[in-house]
Amino acid sequence: MDFNKLAELLYPDSTLNIEDIEKKYKKRQLKEGACVTRLAPSPTGFVHLGNLFPAVTGERLAHQSGGVFYLRIEDTDQKREVEGAVEVLLKSLERYNILFDEGATPEGEKGEYGPYYQRQREQIYKAYAKKLIREGRAYPCFCSEQKLEEMRKEQEAKKENFGYYGKYAACSNLSFEEIEQNIKEGKSFVLRFRSNGDPQKTDSIVDLIKGKLEFSENDIDHVMLKSDGIPTYHFAHAVDDYLMGTTHVVRGEEWLSTLPFHVQLFRALNFPMPHYMHIAQLMKLDNGAKRKLSKRKDPEASLSYYYEQGFSSKSVMEYIMTLLNSNFEEWRIQNKNADINEFKFSSDKMSISGCLFDMDKLLDVSRNVISQMTAEELYEDAIKWAKDYDSDLYKKFTADKDLAISILSIGRGGEKPRKDIAKYNEINDYCAFFYDESFKKGEEYPENVSSEDRETILKSYLELYDESDSQEEWFLKIIELSEKLGFAPKTKLYKKNPELYKGHVGDVSMVLRVAVTGRKNSPDMYEIMKILGKQKVLDRISQAL
């Protein structure tokens, strides 16, 4: 068969010359060892937590090596495309400081290796497809969906491998005349790769995460170009990664099954093979058993879930890094206040098996991260979130910024900062008692303090309280009051001889805490009273009485 003639018959309107294409896409001039990585999502509008894993990995590899990180949009499946999806993706990733050097942006495209939308690169793909046709490595397939379904049923009945190969590749040996006649009759076709693989033979590559991967050669004649001339992911990613100079392909391990075909494609096209990195899938425990995190069943699979729930983006990034690099937690212990970007990310420290997502661990990480923020940082982040998700908190905090910051300052800083807050959606409840409109009178006083003693404690404190007292003076007064009313001035004394006392100083403090805050658990009482002011403290004690 005259394959040159076949290439022109199939794609007569494709006139781009490969030599001209490759002159345009010049080799990137980067320092030795610089990584060129990409994120290449489909514009479906759903940003999965799993998108963050390759995004973080790709961004770190590129920027720590002085390379390039770019965004390419794989919009070859128009049925799944959602309007505004690229903007949603960029906004979601920007919260986590995932920034691209080039590629698709809300304002257009940035960079010299575009177009960065695959549908706009149709003629480029056809030029390389014609190259494979001319070399006898690709052919048109006119099989209808009905015929393909019949083939699948036959393979199932005979318990044979599924796919278009060998005796099932009905169009692989059509003559030029048969192909020409089909086209004259207006029959649509897809372009298939002609595999020369033997599944009895093995091939291998080295994955930078999983190590050496051995697999059977691919013998399936996969589709390269669909009937509308738009490529499949398999063909498009090979052409694009070559032209755009991608050095490292970072993707989920669900793509491992396609690796034999992709290796074949790169070799057939005579492209240098990029380094593949297949990230372990995200797992979760469900009734004691591990399973894959599901887009349909698990709300936490969506990246937007974390912002809606009030997680700090810093917290999520810290947690993601613990899952991606096994040495991150040790580094963080040694570098408590360091910027996360100072951590040396390494593919050698990435998990080979599935990463187990643990919400409790995320909450613990988040408490640590928020406890390290300044009150001003926490305030600014909280009101950004509250503007969209908590109008009551937004109203309170913006009405009196100084009050809000003074509340958030309690127990912040020092070697052991308080860790009351894990998410921004907990802040409103955390600080509710500072505001009269959300203060709730407390009823749960210490059980061992009688109502008579409680009344005596509160009445006595009304006479003792002086807002000008230092913290030491303030606490000494509570100790003295405790002794006067028959309570042990120290908890240890009470534990040693409980029969000698009504209770201990902590019980007296708790009576005051419940009266002033309405709660048994709250931050430092001295700080709370200073923020509330004398009149409000006295009013609440009077209310309690």
Protein backbone atom coordinates (compact mmCIF):
# COMPACT_ATOMS: atom_id res chain seq x y z
CA MET A 1 0.00 0.00 0.00
CA ASP A 2 1.09 3.55 -0.75
CA PHE A 3 0.99 4.99 2.76
CA ASN A 4 1.80 8.52 1.59
CA LYS A 5 -1.25 8.39 -0.63
CA LEU A 6 -3.32 6.99 2.27
CA ALA A 7 -2.27 9.86 4.56
CA GLU A 8 -3.48 12.42 2.00
CA LEU A 9 -6.71 10.50 1.41
CA LEU A 10 -7.58 10.46 5.10
CA TYR A 11 -6.60 14.02 6.01
CA PRO A 12 -6.39 16.10 2.82
CA ASP A 13 -6.90 19.39 4.68
CA SER A 14 -3.97 18.79 7.00
CA THR A 15 -1.07 20.72 5.50
CA LEU A 16 1.11 21.53 8.51
CA ASN A 17 4.69 20.42 8.11
CA ILE A 18 6.35 18.65 11.06
CA GLU A 19 9.67 20.39 10.43
CA ASP A 20 7.95 23.78 10.68
CA ILE A 21 6.11 22.75 13.85
CA GLU A 22 9.32 21.68 15.55
CA LYS A 23 11.07 24.92 14.55
CA LYS A 24 8.32 26.81 16.37
CA TYR A 25 8.52 24.65 19.49
CA LYS A 26 12.20 25.13 20.18
CA LYS A 27 13.96 23.22 22.91
CA ARG A 28 13.68 25.10 26.20
CA GLN A 29 16.88 26.78 27.32
CA LEU A 30 17.04 25.83 30.99
CA LYS A 31 19.84 24.96 33.35
CA GLU A 32 20.86 21.33 33.67
CA GLY A 33 18.54 19.36 35.90
CA ALA A 34 15.65 21.82 35.58
CA CYS A 35 12.26 20.08 35.49
CA VAL A 36 9.42 21.02 33.14
CA THR A 37 6.13 19.78 34.55
CA ARG A 38 2.50 20.36 33.80
CA LEU A 39 -0.98 20.00 35.17
CA ALA A 40 -3.30 18.83 32.41
CA PRO A 41 -6.88 18.53 33.70
CA SER A 42 -10.13 18.18 31.78
CA PRO A 43 -12.36 21.27 32.17
CA THR A 44 -15.21 19.50 33.98
CA GLY A 45 -15.70 22.11 36.72
CA PHE A 46 -15.01 19.55 39.46
CA VAL A 47 -11.66 20.10 41.14
CA HIS A 48 -10.77 16.88 42.95
CA LEU A 49 -8.52 16.68 46.00
CA GLY A 50 -6.50 14.33 43.81
CA ASN A 51 -5.79 17.29 41.46
CA LEU A 52 -3.84 18.88 44.28
CA PHE A 53 -1.41 15.96 44.56
CA PRO A 54 0.05 16.17 41.02
CA ALA A 55 -0.24 19.97 41.16
CA VAL A 56 1.86 20.23 44.33
CA THR A 57 4.32 17.61 43.09
CA GLY A 58 4.72 19.22 39.67
CA GLU A 59 4.98 22.74 41.07
CA ARG A 60 7.61 21.76 43.66
CA LEU A 61 9.72 19.77 41.19
CA ALA A 62 9.71 22.59 38.67
CA HIS A 63 10.25 25.57 40.95
CA GLN A 64 12.82 23.92 43.23
CA SER A 65 14.90 22.99 40.19
CA GLY A 66 14.62 26.33 38.38
CA GLY A 67 12.30 24.83 35.78
CA VAL A 68 8.82 25.54 34.40
CA PHE A 69 5.35 24.55 35.60
CA TYR A 70 2.55 25.05 33.09
CA LEU A 71 -1.19 24.47 32.73
CA ARG A 72 -2.53 22.62 29.70
CA ILE A 73 -6.26 22.07 29.28
CA GLU A 74 -7.27 18.67 27.89
CA ASP A 75 -10.61 19.66 26.42
CA THR A 76 -10.87 16.93 23.78
CA ASP A 77 -14.11 15.58 25.30
CA GLN A 78 -16.64 18.37 24.73
CA LYS A 79 -19.45 16.38 26.34
CA ARG A 80 -17.79 16.72 29.73
CA GLU A 81 -16.71 20.34 29.36
CA VAL A 82 -18.24 22.89 31.75
CA GLU A 83 -18.22 26.61 31.04
CA GLY A 84 -15.96 28.54 33.42
CA ALA A 85 -14.21 25.37 34.59
CA VAL A 86 -10.71 26.75 33.93
CA GLU A 87 -11.42 29.81 36.08
CA VAL A 88 -12.74 27.57 38.88
CA LEU A 89 -9.60 25.43 38.69
CA LEU A 90 -7.23 28.40 38.75
CA LYS A 91 -9.06 30.05 41.64
CA SER A 92 -9.05 26.80 43.63
CA LEU A 93 -5.33 26.21 43.11
CA GLU A 94 -4.41 29.85 43.76
CA ARG A 95 -5.73 29.45 47.33
CA TYR A 96 -2.98 26.89 47.83
CA ASN A 97 -0.34 29.09 46.21
CA ILE A 98 -0.14 26.79 43.18
CA LEU A 99 0.92 29.25 40.49
CA PHE A 100 1.76 28.51 36.87
CA ASP A 101 4.61 29.99 34.86
CA GLU A 102 2.75 29.61 31.58
CA GLY A 103 -0.33 28.09 30.01
CA ALA A 104 -4.04 28.79 30.25
CA THR A 105 -5.12 31.78 32.38
CA PRO A 106 -8.50 33.55 32.85
CA GLU A 107 -7.18 36.40 30.68
CA GLY A 108 -5.96 34.17 27.85
CA GLU A 109 -2.76 32.25 27.27
CA LYS A 110 0.71 32.98 28.57
CA GLY A 111 3.83 31.41 27.11
CA GLU A 112 5.49 30.46 23.81
CA TYR A 113 4.44 26.81 23.65
CA GLY A 114 0.70 27.21 23.06
CA PRO A 115 -2.03 26.84 22.20
CA TYR A 116 -2.52 25.36 25.67
CA TYR A 117 -6.03 24.12 24.89
CA GLN A 118 -5.90 20.81 23.06
CA ARG A 119 -8.88 21.45 20.79
CA GLN A 120 -6.94 24.37 19.32
CA ARG A 121 -4.04 22.06 18.42
CA GLU A 122 -5.99 19.79 16.05
CA GLN A 123 -3.79 20.46 13.02
CA ILE A 124 -0.63 19.71 15.03
CA TYR A 125 -1.98 16.30 16.01
CA LYS A 126 -3.02 15.53 12.45
CA ALA A 127 0.49 16.33 11.20
CA TYR A 128 1.97 13.72 13.55
CA ALA A 129 -0.87 11.31 12.81
CA LYS A 130 -0.04 11.55 9.09
CA LYS A 131 3.59 10.81 9.92
CA LEU A 132 2.51 7.54 11.55
CA ILE A 133 0.19 6.72 8.64
CA ARG A 134 3.07 7.24 6.19
CA GLU A 135 5.18 4.87 8.24
CA GLY A 136 2.45 2.21 8.32
CA ARG A 137 1.90 2.66 12.06
CA ALA A 138 -1.68 3.97 11.89
CA TYR A 139 -4.79 3.07 9.89
CA PRO A 140 -8.47 4.07 9.60
CA CYS A 141 -11.14 1.99 11.33
CA PHE A 142 -14.71 2.10 10.01
CA CYS A 143 -16.23 -0.30 12.57
CA SER A 144 -19.61 0.83 13.88
CA GLU A 145 -20.48 0.92 17.58
CA GLN A 146 -22.74 -2.08 16.97
CA LYS A 147 -19.89 -4.10 15.47
CA LEU A 148 -17.56 -3.15 18.33
CA GLU A 149 -20.22 -4.19 20.86
CA GLU A 150 -20.63 -7.56 19.14
CA MET A 151 -16.86 -8.00 19.29
CA ARG A 152 -16.83 -7.25 23.03
CA LYS A 153 -19.59 -9.80 23.65
CA GLU A 154 -17.69 -12.45 21.71
CA GLN A 155 -14.51 -11.73 23.69
CA GLU A 156 -16.48 -11.93 26.94
CA ALA A 157 -18.07 -15.25 25.95
CA LYS A 158 -14.68 -16.71 25.02
CA LYS A 159 -13.06 -15.17 28.12
CA GLU A 160 -10.51 -13.38 25.96
CA ASN A 161 -8.90 -10.00 26.56
CA PHE A 162 -11.02 -7.03 25.58
CA GLY A 163 -9.79 -4.76 22.83
CA TYR A 164 -9.19 -4.20 19.14
CA TYR A 165 -6.31 -6.55 18.26
CA GLY A 166 -5.30 -9.53 16.12
CA LYS A 167 -8.28 -11.28 14.54
CA TYR A 168 -10.60 -8.70 16.13
CA ALA A 169 -8.90 -5.81 14.33
CA ALA A 170 -11.26 -6.02 11.38
CA CYS A 171 -10.02 -2.90 9.61
CA SER A 172 -6.29 -3.41 10.10
CA ASN A 173 -5.76 -5.05 6.70
CA LEU A 174 -8.13 -3.12 4.46
CA SER A 175 -6.75 -2.35 1.01
CA PHE A 176 -6.34 1.20 -0.22
CA GLU A 177 -9.29 0.65 -2.57
CA GLU A 178 -11.55 -0.52 0.27
CA ILE A 179 -10.59 2.47 2.39
CA GLU A 180 -11.15 4.83 -0.54
CA GLN A 181 -14.58 3.32 -1.26
CA ASN A 182 -15.64 3.66 2.39
CA ILE A 183 -14.68 7.31 2.37
CA LYS A 184 -16.55 7.92 -0.90
CA GLU A 185 -19.61 6.41 0.74
CA GLY A 186 -19.29 8.91 3.58
CA LYS A 187 -18.46 6.40 6.26
CA SER A 188 -16.90 7.95 9.34
CA PHE A 189 -13.68 6.53 10.74
CA VAL A 190 -11.34 6.75 13.69
CA LEU A 191 -7.57 6.49 13.32
CA ARG A 192 -5.99 3.59 15.17
CA PHE A 193 -2.40 2.99 16.13
CA ARG A 194 -1.02 -0.19 14.56
CA SER A 195 0.58 -2.02 17.46
CA ASN A 196 3.48 -4.36 16.88
CA GLY A 197 3.52 -5.47 20.52
CA ASP A 198 3.51 -9.03 21.73
CA PRO A 199 1.74 -9.58 25.08
CA GLN A 200 3.97 -12.60 25.67
CA LYS A 201 6.95 -10.24 25.87
CA THR A 202 7.69 -7.81 28.67
CA ASP A 203 8.85 -4.22 28.60
CA SER A 204 9.90 -1.90 31.40
CA ILE A 205 10.57 1.67 32.42
CA VAL A 206 11.76 3.27 35.69
CA ASP A 207 9.04 5.24 37.44
CA LEU A 208 10.49 7.94 39.73
CA ILE A 209 8.05 6.98 42.50
CA LYS A 210 7.43 3.27 42.04
CA GLY A 211 10.83 2.27 40.72
CA LYS A 212 11.24 -0.25 37.90
CA LEU A 213 7.91 -1.18 36.32
CA GLU A 214 7.66 -4.30 34.18
CA PHE A 215 4.63 -4.90 31.98
CA SER A 216 3.45 -6.95 29.02
CA GLU A 217 3.81 -5.26 25.65
CA ASN A 218 0.66 -3.65 24.34
CA ASP A 219 -1.00 -5.39 21.39
CA ILE A 220 -4.20 -3.28 21.30
CA ASP A 221 -4.70 -1.00 18.30
CA HIS A 222 -5.91 1.95 20.36
CA VAL A 223 -7.72 4.96 18.87
CA MET A 224 -5.48 7.97 18.28
CA LEU A 225 -7.85 10.36 16.52
CA LYS A 226 -11.62 10.24 16.96
CA SER A 227 -14.06 10.52 14.07
CA ASP A 228 -14.13 14.33 14.42
CA GLY A 229 -10.33 14.48 14.09
CA ILE A 230 -9.84 15.33 17.76
CA PRO A 231 -7.21 13.17 19.50
CA THR A 232 -7.64 10.89 22.47
CA TYR A 233 -5.68 11.74 25.62
CA HIS A 234 -3.16 9.02 24.79
CA PHE A 235 -2.04 10.52 21.49
CA ALA A 236 -2.44 14.17 22.49
CA HIS A 237 -0.35 13.92 25.64
CA ALA A 238 2.53 12.30 23.76
CA VAL A 239 2.63 15.03 21.09
CA ASP A 240 2.11 17.88 23.57
CA ASP A 241 4.59 16.70 26.16
CA TYR A 242 7.23 16.35 23.45
CA LEU A 243 6.63 19.76 21.86
CA MET A 244 6.24 21.58 25.17
CA GLY A 245 9.43 20.05 26.53
CA THR A 246 7.84 18.22 29.46
CA THR A 247 10.53 16.36 31.38
CA HIS A 248 8.35 14.82 34.13
CA VAL A 249 4.81 13.51 33.69
CA VAL A 250 3.15 13.52 37.12
CA ARG A 251 -0.20 11.73 37.26
CA GLY A 252 -2.29 9.33 39.33
CA GLU A 253 -1.56 5.62 39.37
CA GLU A 254 -4.93 4.95 37.70
CA TRP A 255 -3.03 5.70 34.46
CA LEU A 256 -0.62 2.79 34.96
CA SER A 257 -2.74 0.47 32.78
CA THR A 258 -2.18 2.79 29.80
CA LEU A 259 1.59 2.94 30.24
CA PRO A 260 2.42 0.11 27.77
CA PHE A 261 0.57 2.00 25.02
CA HIS A 262 2.13 5.33 25.92
CA VAL A 263 5.63 3.85 25.86
CA GLN A 264 4.87 2.42 22.41
CA LEU A 265 3.60 5.78 21.17
CA PHE A 266 6.68 7.72 22.26
CA ARG A 267 8.93 5.18 20.60
CA ALA A 268 6.90 5.07 17.39
CA LEU A 269 6.97 8.87 17.19
CA ASN A 270 10.71 8.84 18.00
CA PHE A 271 10.15 11.19 20.95
CA PRO A 272 12.44 11.14 23.99
CA MET A 273 10.60 9.49 26.87
CA PRO A 274 9.70 11.80 29.77
CA HIS A 275 10.17 10.63 33.34
CA TYR A 276 6.88 9.18 34.56
CA MET A 277 5.73 9.62 38.16
CA HIS A 278 2.58 7.76 39.15
CA ILE A 279 1.21 9.06 42.46
CA ALA A 280 -0.45 6.56 44.80
CA GLN A 281 -4.23 6.81 44.97
CA LEU A 282 -5.99 8.52 47.85
CA MET A 283 -7.64 5.99 50.14
CA LYS A 284 -9.96 6.26 53.13
CA LEU A 285 -11.18 3.90 55.82
CA ASP A 286 -14.80 2.85 55.39
CA ASN A 287 -16.12 0.51 58.11
CA GLY A 288 -12.57 -0.62 58.81
CA ALA A 289 -11.73 -1.35 55.17
CA LYS A 290 -9.62 0.78 52.84
CA ARG A 291 -11.19 2.04 49.64
CA LYS A 292 -10.48 4.68 47.04
CA LEU A 293 -11.69 8.20 47.83
CA SER A 294 -14.79 8.59 45.64
CA LYS A 295 -15.96 11.72 43.79
CA ARG A 296 -19.56 10.54 44.12
CA LYS A 297 -19.67 9.25 47.68
CA ASP A 298 -17.19 11.41 49.58
CA PRO A 299 -17.74 15.17 49.92
CA GLU A 300 -14.11 15.52 51.05
CA ALA A 301 -13.05 14.42 47.56
CA SER A 302 -13.89 17.89 46.26
CA LEU A 303 -11.25 20.57 46.77
CA SER A 304 -13.98 23.17 47.31
CA TYR A 305 -15.17 21.21 50.37
CA TYR A 306 -12.17 22.34 52.41
CA TYR A 307 -12.70 26.03 51.78
CA GLU A 308 -16.45 25.74 52.39
CA GLN A 309 -15.77 23.98 55.71
CA GLY A 310 -13.37 26.70 56.75
CA PHE A 311 -10.04 24.90 56.50
CA SER A 312 -7.07 27.19 56.10
CA SER A 313 -5.36 26.55 52.78
CA LYS A 314 -2.08 26.44 54.73
CA SER A 315 -3.48 23.60 56.83
CA VAL A 316 -4.53 21.57 53.81
CA MET A 317 -1.14 22.10 52.18
CA GLU A 318 0.67 21.01 55.35
CA TYR A 319 -1.41 17.86 55.48
CA ILE A 320 -1.01 17.12 51.77
CA MET A 321 2.76 17.43 52.21
CA THR A 322 2.70 14.84 55.03
CA LEU A 323 1.00 12.45 52.59
CA LEU A 324 3.33 13.24 49.69
CA ASN A 325 6.71 13.16 51.47
CA SER A 326 7.39 10.79 54.36
CA ASN A 327 10.05 13.07 55.88
CA PHE A 328 7.94 16.24 55.97
CA GLU A 329 6.64 15.82 59.54
CA GLU A 330 10.16 15.35 60.88
CA TRP A 331 11.26 18.48 59.00
CA ARG A 332 8.31 20.46 60.37
CA ILE A 333 9.15 19.47 63.97
CA GLN A 334 12.69 20.78 63.44
CA ASN A 335 11.49 23.90 61.56
CA LYS A 336 8.30 24.96 63.33
CA ASN A 337 8.04 28.45 61.89
CA ALA A 338 9.69 27.91 58.51
CA ASP A 339 7.87 28.63 55.25
CA ILE A 340 6.64 25.37 53.72
CA ASN A 341 8.45 26.28 50.48
CA GLU A 342 11.75 25.87 52.30
CA PHE A 343 11.09 22.15 52.57
CA LYS A 344 13.11 20.21 49.98
CA PHE A 345 10.51 18.14 48.19
CA SER A 346 11.76 14.77 46.92
CA SER A 347 10.21 12.13 44.67
CA ASP A 348 12.30 9.56 46.59
CA LYS A 349 10.18 10.17 49.68
CA MET A 350 6.83 9.65 47.99
CA SER A 351 4.56 6.76 48.94
CA ILE A 352 4.51 3.72 46.65
CA SER A 353 1.27 2.35 48.05
CA GLY A 354 -2.04 4.19 48.58
CA CYS A 355 -2.09 7.37 50.69
CA LEU A 356 -4.61 7.04 53.53
CA PHE A 357 -6.65 10.22 53.96
CA ASP A 358 -7.44 10.82 57.63
CA MET A 359 -9.78 13.68 58.54
CA ASP A 360 -8.77 13.54 62.22
CA LYS A 361 -5.13 13.95 61.25
CA LEU A 362 -6.04 16.89 59.01
CA LEU A 363 -7.86 18.54 61.93
CA ASP A 364 -4.81 18.06 64.18
CA VAL A 365 -2.52 19.54 61.54
CA SER A 366 -4.95 22.42 61.07
CA ARG A 367 -5.02 23.22 64.80
CA ASN A 368 -1.23 23.39 64.79
CA VAL A 369 -1.14 25.62 61.71
CA ILE A 370 -3.81 28.03 63.00
CA SER A 371 -2.14 28.19 66.42
CA GLN A 372 1.05 29.43 64.71
CA MET A 373 -0.74 32.27 62.89
CA THR A 374 -0.67 35.79 64.26
CA ALA A 375 -4.03 37.16 65.36
CA GLU A 376 -3.93 39.58 62.42
CA GLU A 377 -3.31 36.76 59.91
CA LEU A 378 -6.11 34.69 61.37
CA TYR A 379 -8.47 37.68 61.35
CA GLU A 380 -7.80 38.48 57.69
CA ASP A 381 -8.20 34.86 56.58
CA ALA A 382 -11.32 34.38 58.70
CA ILE A 383 -13.20 37.39 57.36
CA LYS A 384 -12.42 36.39 53.75
CA TRP A 385 -14.01 33.03 54.46
CA ALA A 386 -16.86 34.46 56.59
CA LYS A 387 -17.87 36.90 53.86
CA ASP A 388 -19.04 33.91 51.80
CA TYR A 389 -20.00 31.38 54.47
CA ASP A 390 -20.77 33.03 57.84
CA SER A 391 -22.48 36.42 57.60
CA ASP A 392 -22.91 36.63 61.38
CA LEU A 393 -19.18 36.24 62.06
CA TYR A 394 -18.37 38.64 59.22
CA LYS A 395 -20.68 41.26 60.68
CA LYS A 396 -19.22 40.93 64.19
CA PHE A 397 -15.60 40.94 63.11
CA THR A 398 -15.84 43.82 60.65
CA ALA A 399 -17.90 45.94 63.06
CA ASP A 400 -15.02 46.03 65.56
CA LYS A 401 -11.72 44.78 64.16
CA ASP A 402 -9.74 45.63 67.32
CA LEU A 403 -12.10 43.58 69.49
CA ALA A 404 -11.90 40.62 67.08
CA ILE A 405 -8.11 40.68 67.03
CA SER A 406 -7.90 40.97 70.82
CA ILE A 407 -10.15 37.87 71.11
CA LEU A 408 -8.02 35.93 68.63
CA SER A 409 -4.85 37.03 70.44
CA ILE A 410 -5.69 35.10 73.62
CA GLY A 411 -3.20 32.30 74.14
CA ARG A 412 -1.47 33.01 70.84
CA GLY A 413 2.32 33.03 70.55
CA GLY A 414 4.87 31.53 72.88
CA GLU A 415 6.14 27.96 73.06
CA LYS A 416 2.74 26.37 73.71
CA PRO A 417 0.01 28.36 71.94
CA ARG A 418 -3.63 27.34 72.44
CA LYS A 419 -5.12 25.05 69.81
CA ASP A 420 -8.84 25.75 70.17
CA ILE A 421 -9.53 26.36 66.48
CA ALA A 422 -9.16 23.82 63.67
CA LYS A 423 -11.41 25.51 61.09
CA TYR A 424 -12.78 28.98 60.48
CA ASN A 425 -16.32 27.67 60.89
CA GLU A 426 -15.49 27.09 64.60
CA ILE A 427 -14.54 30.72 65.28
CA ASN A 428 -18.07 32.06 65.67
CA ASP A 429 -18.86 29.60 68.44
CA TYR A 430 -15.40 30.01 69.97
CA CYS A 431 -15.88 33.75 70.50
CA ALA A 432 -19.70 33.88 70.86
CA PHE A 433 -19.67 34.72 74.60
CA PHE A 434 -17.77 37.95 73.96
CA TYR A 435 -20.83 39.36 72.18
CA ASP A 436 -24.02 40.09 74.13
CA GLU A 437 -26.25 38.97 71.25
CA SER A 438 -24.72 35.48 71.23
CA PHE A 439 -23.86 35.09 74.93
CA LYS A 440 -25.74 32.24 76.62
CA LYS A 441 -26.09 32.14 80.39
CA GLY A 442 -24.27 29.15 81.89
CA GLU A 443 -26.03 26.53 84.00
CA GLU A 444 -23.42 23.75 84.40
CA TYR A 445 -21.50 24.74 87.51
CA PRO A 446 -19.16 22.31 89.37
CA GLU A 447 -21.32 19.64 91.01
CA ASN A 448 -19.37 19.72 94.26
CA VAL A 449 -20.07 23.44 94.79
CA SER A 450 -23.41 24.01 96.51
CA SER A 451 -25.78 26.71 95.28
CA GLU A 452 -25.16 28.59 98.56
CA ASP A 453 -21.38 28.50 98.10
CA ARG A 454 -21.78 29.47 94.46
CA GLU A 455 -23.79 32.52 95.47
CA THR A 456 -21.23 33.44 98.10
CA ILE A 457 -18.35 33.12 95.59
CA LEU A 458 -20.05 35.37 93.07
CA LYS A 459 -21.19 38.00 95.60
CA SER A 460 -17.72 38.10 97.14
CA TYR A 461 -16.07 38.47 93.76
CA LEU A 462 -18.25 41.45 92.88
CA GLU A 463 -16.51 43.28 95.72
CA LEU A 464 -13.01 41.99 94.87
CA TYR A 465 -12.78 42.56 91.13
CA ASP A 466 -10.49 45.35 89.96
CA GLU A 467 -9.77 45.54 86.25
CA SER A 468 -6.44 47.30 86.91
CA ASP A 469 -5.05 44.20 88.65
CA SER A 470 -2.12 42.41 87.03
CA GLN A 471 -2.66 38.75 86.20
CA GLU A 472 -0.71 37.74 89.31
CA GLU A 473 -2.76 40.04 91.55
CA TRP A 474 -5.97 38.81 89.96
CA PHE A 475 -5.14 35.16 90.65
CA LEU A 476 -3.95 35.84 94.22
CA LYS A 477 -7.37 37.29 94.98
CA ILE A 478 -9.03 34.09 93.78
CA ILE A 479 -6.66 32.01 95.93
CA GLU A 480 -7.42 34.16 98.97
CA LEU A 481 -11.16 33.97 98.29
CA SER A 482 -10.91 30.18 98.02
CA GLU A 483 -9.17 29.86 101.38
CA LYS A 484 -11.64 32.23 103.04
CA LEU A 485 -14.60 30.15 101.82
CA GLY A 486 -13.13 26.77 102.76
CA PHE A 487 -11.68 25.70 99.41
CA ALA A 488 -8.09 24.45 99.07
CA PRO A 489 -5.76 27.14 97.61
CA LYS A 490 -3.99 24.41 95.62
CA THR A 491 -5.38 21.37 93.85
CA LYS A 492 -2.66 19.17 95.34
CA LEU A 493 -3.76 20.04 98.87
CA TYR A 494 -7.33 19.04 98.09
CA LYS A 495 -6.27 15.71 96.56
CA LYS A 496 -4.12 14.97 99.61
CA ASN A 497 -6.83 15.75 102.18
CA PRO A 498 -10.22 16.09 100.41
CA GLU A 499 -12.13 15.75 103.70
CA LEU A 500 -10.67 19.06 104.92
CA TYR A 501 -12.04 21.21 102.06
CA LYS A 502 -15.24 21.92 100.15
CA GLY A 503 -13.25 21.75 96.94
CA HIS A 504 -10.22 23.52 95.49
CA VAL A 505 -9.28 26.82 93.85
CA GLY A 506 -10.12 25.39 90.41
CA ASP A 507 -13.73 24.95 91.48
CA VAL A 508 -13.93 28.58 92.54
CA SER A 509 -12.38 29.65 89.23
CA MET A 510 -14.86 27.44 87.38
CA VAL A 511 -17.83 29.14 89.08
CA LEU A 512 -16.51 32.49 87.86
CA ARG A 513 -15.79 31.07 84.37
CA VAL A 514 -19.34 29.74 83.94
CA ALA A 515 -20.86 32.98 85.23
CA VAL A 516 -18.80 35.21 82.91
CA THR A 517 -18.56 33.05 79.76
CA GLY A 518 -21.48 30.62 80.12
CA ARG A 519 -19.01 27.75 79.58
CA LYS A 520 -16.80 25.35 81.46
CA ASN A 521 -14.17 25.50 78.69
CA SER A 522 -12.80 28.81 77.50
CA PRO A 523 -9.44 30.55 77.07
CA ASP A 524 -7.58 32.39 79.84
CA MET A 525 -10.10 34.04 82.22
CA TYR A 526 -7.90 37.00 83.06
CA GLU A 527 -7.58 37.86 79.34
CA ILE A 528 -11.32 37.33 78.81
CA MET A 529 -12.23 39.72 81.64
CA LYS A 530 -9.77 42.34 80.35
CA ILE A 531 -11.41 42.21 76.91
CA LEU A 532 -14.98 42.24 78.23
CA GLY A 533 -14.27 45.17 80.55
CA LYS A 534 -15.30 45.71 84.16
CA GLN A 535 -18.91 46.65 83.60
CA LYS A 536 -19.70 43.63 81.43
CA VAL A 537 -17.95 41.27 83.88
CA LEU A 538 -19.95 42.65 86.79
CA ASP A 539 -23.19 42.59 84.78
CA ARG A 540 -22.75 38.91 83.92
CA ILE A 541 -21.94 37.92 87.49
CA SER A 542 -25.05 39.81 88.59
CA GLN A 543 -27.09 37.97 85.96
CA ALA A 544 -25.73 34.66 87.24
CA LEU A 545 -26.80 35.58 90.76
